[in-house]
Every structure is written in C-alpha cells, then in structure tokens.
C-alpha cells in the first residue's frame, strides 16, 4: 500500500489458485500471504498492506509460422 513500486511476478499456479490464496488470507485475517514465483523465489506480503491485486490472464506458449 505505502510503497512506490508494485510487486510483479510470474507463478506456476493458476490465476484461480492465486485468487483463492489471497481471498483466504484476507478473509482469515492472516498477517501475510506467501506466494512463490516460477523461479522458486518466495514473497511474503503483509495482508494489511495490500491495496489492490491485479491478476493477469493465463497465457500458453504461442507458436507461429509465417508463409
């Protein structure tokens, strides 16, 4: 909430899993939520400091050919 930058990460979890993880942490009054990215880094985010969450769409790898 009171920071100049947002946290951006890519996770192997689905958008629905991340949304449920955050919703459960906020509803239970947990002091923080733990999220891991694709590279194994772990983020502990204080729930009291969450102003908003933007969850991007899941993308699959695209393969294209040009003729």
PDB file of N, CA and C in Angstrom:
ATOM      1  N   UNK A   1       0.826  -1.184   0.000  1.00  0.00           N
ATOM      2  CA  UNK A   1       0.000   0.000   0.000  1.00  0.00           C
ATOM      3  C   UNK A   1       0.874   1.252   0.000  1.00  0.00           C
ATOM      4  N   UNK A   2       1.785   1.394   0.900  1.00  0.00           N
ATOM      5  CA  UNK A   2       2.584   2.615   1.017  1.00  0.00           C
ATOM      6  C   UNK A   2       3.972   2.451   0.415  1.00  0.00           C
ATOM      7  N   UNK A   3       4.030   1.940  -0.798  1.00  0.00           N
ATOM      8  CA  UNK A   3       5.301   1.759  -1.490  1.00  0.00           C
ATOM      9  C   UNK A   3       5.224   2.398  -2.864  1.00  0.00           C
ATOM     10  N   UNK A   4       6.381   2.714  -3.403  1.00  0.00           N
ATOM     11  CA  UNK A   4       6.429   3.368  -4.703  1.00  0.00           C
ATOM     12  C   UNK A   4       6.319   2.375  -5.862  1.00  0.00           C
ATOM     13  N   UNK A   5       6.535   1.103  -5.590  1.00  0.00           N
ATOM     14  CA  UNK A   5       6.521   0.106  -6.659  1.00  0.00           C
ATOM     15  C   UNK A   5       5.525  -0.995  -6.345  1.00  0.00           C
ATOM     16  N   UNK A   6       5.052  -1.619  -7.399  1.00  0.00           N
ATOM     17  CA  UNK A   6       4.187  -2.784  -7.229  1.00  0.00           C
ATOM     18  C   UNK A   6       5.041  -4.042  -7.315  1.00  0.00           C
ATOM     19  N   UNK A   7       4.500  -5.133  -6.818  1.00  0.00           N
ATOM     20  CA  UNK A   7       5.190  -6.418  -6.915  1.00  0.00           C
ATOM     21  C   UNK A   7       4.668  -7.113  -8.158  1.00  0.00           C
ATOM     22  N   UNK A   8       5.570  -7.496  -9.028  1.00  0.00           N
ATOM     23  CA  UNK A   8       5.182  -8.240 -10.228  1.00  0.00           C
ATOM     24  C   UNK A   8       5.900  -9.571 -10.244  1.00  0.00           C
ATOM     25  N   UNK A   9       5.184 -10.644 -10.491  1.00  0.00           N
ATOM     26  CA  UNK A   9       5.814 -11.956 -10.545  1.00  0.00           C
ATOM     27  C   UNK A   9       5.011 -12.882 -11.438  1.00  0.00           C
ATOM     28  N   UNK A  10       5.687 -13.908 -11.913  1.00  0.00           N
ATOM     29  CA  UNK A  10       5.038 -14.953 -12.691  1.00  0.00           C
ATOM     30  C   UNK A  10       5.069 -16.221 -11.860  1.00  0.00           C
ATOM     31  N   UNK A  11       3.932 -16.880 -11.746  1.00  0.00           N
ATOM     32  CA  UNK A  11       3.816 -18.063 -10.913  1.00  0.00           C
ATOM     33  C   UNK A  11       3.342 -19.242 -11.739  1.00  0.00           C
ATOM     34  N   UNK A  12       3.711 -20.431 -11.305  1.00  0.00           N
ATOM     35  CA  UNK A  12       3.232 -21.635 -11.978  1.00  0.00           C
ATOM     36  C   UNK A  12       1.812 -21.992 -11.531  1.00  0.00           C
ATOM     37  N   UNK A  13       1.318 -21.304 -10.496  1.00  0.00           N
ATOM     38  CA  UNK A  13      -0.056 -21.519 -10.049  1.00  0.00           C
ATOM     39  C   UNK A  13      -1.023 -20.845 -11.019  1.00  0.00           C
ATOM     40  N   UNK A  14      -2.229 -21.360 -11.084  1.00  0.00           N
ATOM     41  CA  UNK A  14      -3.233 -20.763 -11.958  1.00  0.00           C
ATOM     42  C   UNK A  14      -3.750 -19.465 -11.347  1.00  0.00           C
ATOM     43  N   UNK A  15      -4.375 -18.648 -12.186  1.00  0.00           N
ATOM     44  CA  UNK A  15      -4.955 -17.392 -11.712  1.00  0.00           C
ATOM     45  C   UNK A  15      -5.998 -17.665 -10.630  1.00  0.00           C
ATOM     46  N   UNK A  16      -6.782 -18.723 -10.793  1.00  0.00           N
ATOM     47  CA  UNK A  16      -7.803 -19.071  -9.803  1.00  0.00           C
ATOM     48  C   UNK A  16      -7.178 -19.466  -8.475  1.00  0.00           C
ATOM     49  N   UNK A  17      -6.051 -20.181  -8.511  1.00  0.00           N
ATOM     50  CA  UNK A  17      -5.365 -20.585  -7.281  1.00  0.00           C
ATOM     51  C   UNK A  17      -4.812 -19.365  -6.535  1.00  0.00           C
ATOM     52  N   UNK A  18      -4.234 -18.433  -7.267  1.00  0.00           N
ATOM     53  CA  UNK A  18      -3.703 -17.215  -6.651  1.00  0.00           C
ATOM     54  C   UNK A  18      -4.841 -16.400  -6.043  1.00  0.00           C
ATOM     55  N   UNK A  19      -5.928 -16.277  -6.777  1.00  0.00           N
ATOM     56  CA  UNK A  19      -7.083 -15.525  -6.273  1.00  0.00           C
ATOM     57  C   UNK A  19      -7.622 -16.141  -4.993  1.00  0.00           C
ATOM     58  N   UNK A  20      -7.737 -17.470  -4.957  1.00  0.00           N
ATOM     59  CA  UNK A  20      -8.242 -18.152  -3.767  1.00  0.00           C
ATOM     60  C   UNK A  20      -7.280 -18.010  -2.600  1.00  0.00           C
ATOM     61  N   UNK A  21      -5.984 -18.105  -2.869  1.00  0.00           N
ATOM     62  CA  UNK A  21      -4.958 -17.945  -1.834  1.00  0.00           C
ATOM     63  C   UNK A  21      -5.063 -16.571  -1.182  1.00  0.00           C
ATOM     64  N   UNK A  22      -5.194 -15.532  -2.000  1.00  0.00           N
ATOM     65  CA  UNK A  22      -5.310 -14.171  -1.474  1.00  0.00           C
ATOM     66  C   UNK A  22      -6.627 -13.965  -0.733  1.00  0.00           C
ATOM     67  N   UNK A  23      -7.717 -14.471  -1.295  1.00  0.00           N
ATOM     68  CA  UNK A  23      -9.028 -14.321  -0.654  1.00  0.00           C
ATOM     69  C   UNK A  23      -9.050 -15.004   0.711  1.00  0.00           C
ATOM     70  N   UNK A  24      -8.480 -16.195   0.807  1.00  0.00           N
ATOM     71  CA  UNK A  24      -8.442 -16.925   2.079  1.00  0.00           C
ATOM     72  C   UNK A  24      -7.606 -16.174   3.120  1.00  0.00           C
ATOM     73  N   UNK A  25      -6.454 -15.652   2.690  1.00  0.00           N
ATOM     74  CA  UNK A  25      -5.581 -14.924   3.623  1.00  0.00           C
ATOM     75  C   UNK A  25      -6.263 -13.662   4.135  1.00  0.00           C
ATOM     76  N   UNK A  26      -6.929 -12.930   3.241  1.00  0.00           N
ATOM     77  CA  UNK A  26      -7.605 -11.701   3.657  1.00  0.00           C
ATOM     78  C   UNK A  26      -8.811 -11.997   4.545  1.00  0.00           C
ATOM     79  N   UNK A  27      -9.574 -13.040   4.216  1.00  0.00           N
ATOM     80  CA  UNK A  27     -10.772 -13.381   4.986  1.00  0.00           C
ATOM     81  C   UNK A  27     -10.423 -13.899   6.389  1.00  0.00           C
ATOM     82  N   UNK A  28      -9.324 -14.623   6.493  1.00  0.00           N
ATOM     83  CA  UNK A  28      -8.961 -15.203   7.790  1.00  0.00           C
ATOM     84  C   UNK A  28      -8.215 -14.221   8.688  1.00  0.00           C
ATOM     85  N   UNK A  29      -7.811 -13.089   8.137  1.00  0.00           N
ATOM     86  CA  UNK A  29      -7.053 -12.131   8.929  1.00  0.00           C
ATOM     87  C   UNK A  29      -5.601 -12.526   9.112  1.00  0.00           C
ATOM     88  N   UNK A  30      -5.094 -13.388   8.209  1.00  0.00           N
ATOM     89  CA  UNK A  30      -3.697 -13.808   8.287  1.00  0.00           C
ATOM     90  C   UNK A  30      -2.793 -12.587   8.164  1.00  0.00           C
ATOM     91  N   UNK A  31      -1.674 -12.569   8.881  1.00  0.00           N
ATOM     92  CA  UNK A  31      -0.793 -11.400   8.837  1.00  0.00           C
ATOM     93  C   UNK A  31      -0.091 -11.216   7.495  1.00  0.00           C
ATOM     94  N   UNK A  32       0.096 -12.299   6.764  1.00  0.00           N
ATOM     95  CA  UNK A  32       0.743 -12.209   5.459  1.00  0.00           C
ATOM     96  C   UNK A  32       0.276 -13.340   4.557  1.00  0.00           C
ATOM     97  N   UNK A  33       0.535 -13.180   3.275  1.00  0.00           N
ATOM     98  CA  UNK A  33       0.257 -14.229   2.295  1.00  0.00           C
ATOM     99  C   UNK A  33       1.597 -14.587   1.643  1.00  0.00           C
ATOM    100  N   UNK A  34       1.810 -15.867   1.406  1.00  0.00           N
ATOM    101  CA  UNK A  34       3.059 -16.352   0.818  1.00  0.00           C
ATOM    102  C   UNK A  34       2.789 -16.801  -0.609  1.00  0.00           C
ATOM    103  N   UNK A  35       3.544 -16.224  -1.553  1.00  0.00           N
ATOM    104  CA  UNK A  35       3.388 -16.554  -2.969  1.00  0.00           C
ATOM    105  C   UNK A  35       4.761 -16.897  -3.517  1.00  0.00           C
ATOM    106  N   UNK A  36       4.851 -17.957  -4.312  1.00  0.00           N
ATOM    107  CA  UNK A  36       6.118 -18.360  -4.936  1.00  0.00           C
ATOM    108  C   UNK A  36       6.042 -18.105  -6.435  1.00  0.00           C
ATOM    109  N   UNK A  37       7.177 -17.661  -6.991  1.00  0.00           N
ATOM    110  CA  UNK A  37       7.199 -17.444  -8.433  1.00  0.00           C
ATOM    111  C   UNK A  37       7.751 -18.678  -9.140  1.00  0.00           C
ATOM    112  N   UNK A  38       7.871 -18.594 -10.466  1.00  0.00           N
ATOM    113  CA  UNK A  38       8.322 -19.743 -11.255  1.00  0.00           C
ATOM    114  C   UNK A  38       9.769 -20.133 -10.976  1.00  0.00           C
ATOM    115  N   UNK A  39      10.572 -19.190 -10.498  1.00  0.00           N
ATOM    116  CA  UNK A  39      11.985 -19.451 -10.259  1.00  0.00           C
ATOM    117  C   UNK A  39      12.273 -19.914  -8.835  1.00  0.00           C
ATOM    118  N   UNK A  40      11.240 -20.055  -8.028  1.00  0.00           N
ATOM    119  CA  UNK A  40      11.412 -20.535  -6.668  1.00  0.00           C
ATOM    120  C   UNK A  40      11.547 -19.447  -5.617  1.00  0.00           C
ATOM    121  N   UNK A  41      11.539 -18.178  -6.037  1.00  0.00           N
ATOM    122  CA  UNK A  41      11.576 -17.095  -5.051  1.00  0.00           C
ATOM    123  C   UNK A  41      10.268 -17.074  -4.300  1.00  0.00           C
ATOM    124  N   UNK A  42      10.336 -16.788  -2.999  1.00  0.00           N
ATOM    125  CA  UNK A  42       9.131 -16.705  -2.181  1.00  0.00           C
ATOM    126  C   UNK A  42       8.920 -15.262  -1.739  1.00  0.00           C
ATOM    127  N   UNK A  43       7.675 -14.823  -1.819  1.00  0.00           N
ATOM    128  CA  UNK A  43       7.310 -13.480  -1.418  1.00  0.00           C
ATOM    129  C   UNK A  43       6.354 -13.568  -0.243  1.00  0.00           C
ATOM    130  N   UNK A  44       6.642 -12.852   0.829  1.00  0.00           N
ATOM    131  CA  UNK A  44       5.744 -12.736   1.967  1.00  0.00           C
ATOM    132  C   UNK A  44       5.190 -11.320   1.919  1.00  0.00           C
ATOM    133  N   UNK A  45       3.898 -11.212   1.661  1.00  0.00           N
ATOM    134  CA  UNK A  45       3.263  -9.911   1.502  1.00  0.00           C
ATOM    135  C   UNK A  45       2.325  -9.678   2.680  1.00  0.00           C
ATOM    136  N   UNK A  46       2.540  -8.613   3.454  1.00  0.00           N
ATOM    137  CA  UNK A  46       1.644  -8.316   4.577  1.00  0.00           C
ATOM    138  C   UNK A  46       0.234  -8.019   4.057  1.00  0.00           C
ATOM    139  N   UNK A  47      -0.754  -8.711   4.567  1.00  0.00           N
ATOM    140  CA  UNK A  47      -2.123  -8.515   4.085  1.00  0.00           C
ATOM    141  C   UNK A  47      -2.642  -7.127   4.422  1.00  0.00           C
ATOM    142  N   UNK A  48      -2.161  -6.530   5.497  1.00  0.00           N
ATOM    143  CA  UNK A  48      -2.609  -5.189   5.862  1.00  0.00           C
ATOM    144  C   UNK A  48      -2.132  -4.151   4.852  1.00  0.00           C
ATOM    145  N   UNK A  49      -1.101  -4.481   4.078  1.00  0.00           N
ATOM    146  CA  UNK A  49      -0.548  -3.549   3.115  1.00  0.00           C
ATOM    147  C   UNK A  49      -1.061  -3.734   1.704  1.00  0.00           C
ATOM    148  N   UNK A  50      -1.987  -4.668   1.499  1.00  0.00           N
ATOM    149  CA  UNK A  50      -2.497  -4.921   0.147  1.00  0.00           C
ATOM    150  C   UNK A  50      -3.559  -3.884  -0.188  1.00  0.00           C
ATOM    151  N   UNK A  51      -3.285  -3.073  -1.205  1.00  0.00           N
ATOM    152  CA  UNK A  51      -4.241  -2.055  -1.642  1.00  0.00           C
ATOM    153  C   UNK A  51      -5.126  -2.618  -2.749  1.00  0.00           C
ATOM    154  N   UNK A  52      -4.531  -3.338  -3.684  1.00  0.00           N
ATOM    155  CA  UNK A  52      -5.284  -3.981  -4.760  1.00  0.00           C
ATOM    156  C   UNK A  52      -4.425  -5.099  -5.331  1.00  0.00           C
ATOM    157  N   UNK A  53      -5.070  -5.997  -6.070  1.00  0.00           N
ATOM    158  CA  UNK A  53      -4.356  -7.095  -6.710  1.00  0.00           C
ATOM    159  C   UNK A  53      -4.851  -7.186  -8.146  1.00  0.00           C
ATOM    160  N   UNK A  54      -3.910  -7.200  -9.070  1.00  0.00           N
ATOM    161  CA  UNK A  54      -4.242  -7.385 -10.478  1.00  0.00           C
ATOM    162  C   UNK A  54      -3.681  -8.737 -10.898  1.00  0.00           C
ATOM    163  N   UNK A  55      -4.570  -9.646 -11.272  1.00  0.00           N
ATOM    164  CA  UNK A  55      -4.151 -10.986 -11.681  1.00  0.00           C
ATOM    165  C   UNK A  55      -4.304 -11.066 -13.190  1.00  0.00           C
ATOM    166  N   UNK A  56      -3.195 -11.287 -13.863  1.00  0.00           N
ATOM    167  CA  UNK A  56      -3.210 -11.357 -15.322  1.00  0.00           C
ATOM    168  C   UNK A  56      -3.808 -12.656 -15.820  1.00  0.00           C
ATOM    169  N   UNK A  57      -4.125 -12.655 -17.084  1.00  0.00           N
ATOM    170  CA  UNK A  57      -4.674 -13.851 -17.721  1.00  0.00           C
ATOM    171  C   UNK A  57      -3.576 -14.881 -17.934  1.00  0.00           C
ATOM    172  N   UNK A  58      -3.971 -16.121 -17.882  1.00  0.00           N
ATOM    173  CA  UNK A  58      -3.015 -17.186 -18.132  1.00  0.00           C
ATOM    174  C   UNK A  58      -2.727 -17.223 -19.625  1.00  0.00           C
ATOM    175  N   UNK A  59      -1.451 -17.397 -19.957  1.00  0.00           N
ATOM    176  CA  UNK A  59      -1.063 -17.447 -21.354  1.00  0.00           C
ATOM    177  C   UNK A  59      -0.365 -18.761 -21.644  1.00  0.00           C
ATOM    178  N   UNK A  60      -0.702 -19.333 -22.773  1.00  0.00           N
ATOM    179  CA  UNK A  60       0.022 -20.520 -23.200  1.00  0.00           C
ATOM    180  C   UNK A  60       1.052 -20.071 -24.223  1.00  0.00           C
ATOM    181  N   UNK A  61       2.065 -20.880 -24.407  1.00  0.00           N
ATOM    182  CA  UNK A  61       3.093 -20.524 -25.383  1.00  0.00           C
ATOM    183  C   UNK A  61       2.504 -20.577 -26.782  1.00  0.00           C
ATOM    184  N   UNK A  62       2.811 -19.556 -27.545  1.00  0.00           N
ATOM    185  CA  UNK A  62       2.306 -19.495 -28.904  1.00  0.00           C
ATOM    186  C   UNK A  62       3.415 -19.892 -29.879  1.00  0.00           C
ATOM    187  N   UNK A  63       3.004 -20.610 -30.893  1.00  0.00           N
ATOM    188  CA  UNK A  63       3.922 -20.969 -31.957  1.00  0.00           C
ATOM    189  C   UNK A  63       3.301 -20.478 -33.246  1.00  0.00           C
ATOM    190  N   UNK A  64       4.052 -19.721 -34.004  1.00  0.00           N
ATOM    191  CA  UNK A  64       3.517 -19.181 -35.247  1.00  0.00           C
ATOM    192  C   UNK A  64       4.442 -19.432 -36.412  1.00  0.00           C
ATOM    193  N   UNK A  65       3.862 -19.507 -37.569  1.00  0.00           N
ATOM    194  CA  UNK A  65       4.621 -19.696 -38.793  1.00  0.00           C
ATOM    195  C   UNK A  65       4.182 -18.639 -39.780  1.00  0.00           C
ATOM    196  N   UNK A  66       5.142 -18.090 -40.483  1.00  0.00           N
ATOM    197  CA  UNK A  66       4.830 -17.084 -41.492  1.00  0.00           C
ATOM    198  C   UNK A  66       5.152 -17.666 -42.854  1.00  0.00           C
ATOM    199  N   UNK A  67       4.201 -17.526 -43.756  1.00  0.00           N
ATOM    200  CA  UNK A  67       4.413 -18.062 -45.109  1.00  0.00           C
ATOM    201  C   UNK A  67       4.830 -16.983 -46.062  1.00  0.00           C
TER     202      UNK A  67
END
